[in-house]
């Protein structure tokens, strides 16, 4: 996996704020892929979280997959 690749979260993290199946973008690859900094955003581009994740916590997206949506309460309290 490389910088700017879309990845799928494999497990719930951030105290349940991020769920398995959420899609993020790799910002940084650490130590040849031993860890990844991944950003998760809303559909309008607002950052929800930036997390440092291990390889088992994410996977590459598949060409056969489609995105889905769910509501999330934003840090600033805005949800629109």
Protein backbone atom coordinates (compact mmCIF):
# COMPACT_ATOMS: atom_id res chain seq x y z
CA UNK A 1 0.00 0.00 0.00
CA UNK A 2 1.25 3.46 -0.90
CA UNK A 3 0.60 7.10 -0.04
CA UNK A 4 -2.79 8.34 -1.27
CA UNK A 5 -4.21 4.83 -1.68
CA UNK A 6 -7.76 4.33 -0.44
CA UNK A 7 -7.98 1.71 2.29
CA UNK A 8 -10.74 0.00 4.25
CA UNK A 9 -10.65 -0.10 8.03
CA UNK A 10 -10.83 -3.68 9.31
CA UNK A 11 -11.86 -3.01 12.92
CA UNK A 12 -13.58 -0.43 15.10
CA UNK A 13 -11.17 2.17 16.51
CA UNK A 14 -11.12 5.62 18.09
CA UNK A 15 -13.51 4.59 20.86
CA UNK A 16 -16.06 3.43 18.31
CA UNK A 17 -16.00 6.63 16.27
CA UNK A 18 -14.54 4.78 13.28
CA UNK A 19 -16.12 1.50 12.21
CA UNK A 20 -14.95 -1.50 10.23
CA UNK A 21 -15.68 -0.71 6.60
CA UNK A 22 -14.91 3.02 6.83
CA UNK A 23 -12.73 4.21 3.95
CA UNK A 24 -9.64 6.35 4.48
CA UNK A 25 -6.65 7.65 2.56
CA UNK A 26 -3.06 6.76 3.41
CA UNK A 27 -1.12 9.96 4.12
CA UNK A 28 2.19 8.45 5.21
CA UNK A 29 3.81 5.02 5.01
CA UNK A 30 6.15 4.33 7.93
CA UNK A 31 9.13 1.94 7.90
CA UNK A 32 8.36 0.32 4.58
CA UNK A 33 4.75 -0.50 5.50
CA UNK A 34 5.04 -1.41 9.19
CA UNK A 35 2.53 1.36 9.98
CA UNK A 36 0.37 3.85 8.09
CA UNK A 37 -1.04 7.28 8.85
CA UNK A 38 -4.58 7.26 7.48
CA UNK A 39 -7.06 10.13 7.24
CA UNK A 40 -10.81 9.57 7.34
CA UNK A 41 -13.04 12.33 5.95
CA UNK A 42 -16.72 13.06 5.41
CA UNK A 43 -18.12 13.07 1.88
CA UNK A 44 -17.70 16.86 1.88
CA UNK A 45 -14.01 16.55 2.73
CA UNK A 46 -14.06 17.48 6.43
CA UNK A 47 -11.46 15.53 8.37
CA UNK A 48 -12.97 13.14 10.91
CA UNK A 49 -9.76 11.52 12.17
CA UNK A 50 -6.12 10.89 11.38
CA UNK A 51 -4.93 7.60 12.87
CA UNK A 52 -1.66 5.68 12.84
CA UNK A 53 -2.61 2.11 11.97
CA UNK A 54 -0.91 -1.25 11.64
CA UNK A 55 -1.17 -3.33 8.45
CA UNK A 56 -3.69 -5.76 9.97
CA UNK A 57 -6.06 -2.87 10.72
CA UNK A 58 -6.51 -1.83 7.08
CA UNK A 59 -6.72 -3.39 3.64
CA UNK A 60 -6.70 -2.15 0.09
CA UNK A 61 -10.03 -1.37 -1.56
CA UNK A 62 -11.28 -3.89 -4.12
CA UNK A 63 -12.46 -2.94 -7.60
CA UNK A 64 -15.74 -4.77 -6.96
CA UNK A 65 -16.64 -2.63 -3.91
CA UNK A 66 -18.93 0.40 -3.69
CA UNK A 67 -18.93 3.03 -0.95
CA UNK A 68 -21.73 3.37 1.55
CA UNK A 69 -22.64 6.22 3.91
CA UNK A 70 -23.40 6.61 7.59
CA UNK A 71 -23.79 9.63 9.86
CA UNK A 72 -21.07 10.56 12.31
CA UNK A 73 -21.11 13.33 14.87
CA UNK A 74 -18.37 15.77 13.97
CA UNK A 75 -15.97 17.15 16.58
CA UNK A 76 -17.30 20.69 16.15
CA UNK A 77 -20.89 19.50 16.60
CA UNK A 78 -21.90 20.20 13.00
CA UNK A 79 -23.41 17.32 11.09
CA UNK A 80 -24.53 18.96 7.89
